[in-house]
Structures are given as C-alpha cells and as structure tokens.
Amino acid sequence: MSAVTHHTAPTQFVEADGVRYAYRRLGSGGEVPLVMLQHFTGNLDNWDPALVDALAAEREVILVDYPGVASSTGAFATTIAQMAQQIITFTGALGLEQIDLLGFSIGGFAAQDIALIRPRLVRRLVLAGTGPKGAPGMHGWRKDIETHARAEVPTGEDLLYIFFAHTETSQAKGVEFLGRFMARTEGRDVPSSLASRDAQYDAVLEWGIPDHSALQRLTGIQCPTLIIQGDDDLMIPTKNSYLMAGLIPDAQIRIYPDAAHASLFQYPADAAKDVNAFLG
C-alpha cells in the first residue's frame, strides 16, 4: 500500500460547538503533530504538495479549513482572536493535548494568538510570511496587492503577483508551484466564498490597526519560534519578520532570497528541511 500524500489524503470531518471542521491528516512520526494554518481565503488544496509531503515524511501533519471557509461549516471569524479560539476548539475535538503549529500569512496571525492564550498547547511555533498585531504597515495591503488578493474569481496570475517576487526567476518558481498545487484531481476542496473572504479581510484590518503597545504581546510567546520570510514580501512587509524575531524571546529567523510572500512555496524543499530541523 502506497503512503498517503497531499494528493491522496482524504478530507475528514470533526464536529465541535456546532461547526463541522474539514481537515486532512497524513504522515507519521515526530513528537507531536504539526497543525498548519492557511493563508487568506486558502483551503486545504492551497498548500504546496511538495512542502506538505516533505514535512509529512518526518512527522504527522494536519491541515484544516477555518469555520465558514471552503468545506468547513459554521460562522467565519471576523477577528483573529475568534479565529484562534476556533482552532483551539478544533484541536480539542481531535483530542490533541500538544501540537507544533505552523501559521502562514493570516494563519500566522492566529498562530501567534494561540501561542499566547493557550501556551500549554503549542510546543514549537513556525511563523511564515506573517507579521505582528499593530505593527507598521500591517493595516491592510497596498492597493495593487489588495486588488489581486480580493479578486472575485482568483486566477493563477493573481497568485503569482501576490506570492512571488516580481523577478523572472521568482515568477518561474511560482509557475512551478501552480502546477503542483493544481495536480490533485480527485476530492479537491471547494473554493472559499466571497463572504468568507470579506470576513477574513475584516480580521486582517482589525489585526493591523496601528498600535505600538500591541507589539509587547510578542514578548509573551515563550515557546521556541522559527520565522520564515522572503526578502521582499509585498503583502506583509519583511521588516516585520525582523521585528517579531527581536521581540519573541526564543526566536530564530530564516530569510529566503529573491522571494516574496510565499517563500515556503518558492523553496518547498528548503523550507521543509528548515522546519523539520527546527521541530526536531
């Protein structure tokens, strides 16, 4: 029997507090499972299969749709605090007492909150392409990025514009990513709705309201933390990854060259190697 991969892992469901959470589970090994929180409007299939499979080669990986997003039912969160509570509820429904946690983009916002309000749950934290609450340049996205991110019918061109650096080399890597993430043909997740898109952007804006004092929250994250970022993120400024690295007490940072928001999709093998080494 062949191993379960990102392309073949079945979508499963678990119910908690009136929400039917859609998730996928694959891989084995590692001290605790790695829960991965997705980007703005992303679903189970928006992860890079090359990244997920490389992580799952060394540990159990759990992907999940937020409530109201894609195949999960329930009310979608309009604040990151609500989203964090929803994911905590999900982990409880699966009986997970401790996890490693990887949050990408808006998922990284929620991951920070989870590590702060349920520290006993999170053993190690990975923050990719994300930024802290209240930091400079976080109150929404610049106009061209917002236009592509909020497209009613997102295209590959929109993803390339947002996720990858505007260089020939990075865009070429982006095209390779598009081929990988569209390769699953059976049992694909459903697209996210426009209503969930708008709720998530409300959450992005609330998180990003300028608030210098909110940065002190980061000093409360006590678990070891790995920060992953591209050297020129057009969506969430790279400088804020350095800011997080300076304020989280036990943090290390990895910056990938010629990369933007989705550096972990541009360099899936490198990112998986770095994450696996960090998680141990």
Foldseek 3Di string as FASTA:
>chain_A
DDFAFLLRFAWDWFDDPRKTKTKTKGAAAFPAEEEEADAQQDDSLPDQRLQRRLLRPHHMYMYIDFDQHFPMHDDAALALLVSLVRVVRVCVRVVQQAHAYEYAASRLASQLNNCQPPVRHHQEYEYALYFAFQDPPQQFAPDVLCCLSLPQDHDLVSCLVQWAFPDPLRSVLSVVSVCRSPPRDPNDTGGTHSVNSVSVNSNSNNRHNHDVVRLLSLCSRAHAYEYEFEPQARGHGPVRSVSSQVRNPRYDYDYDYNTYRPVCSSCSVVVSVVVVVVSD
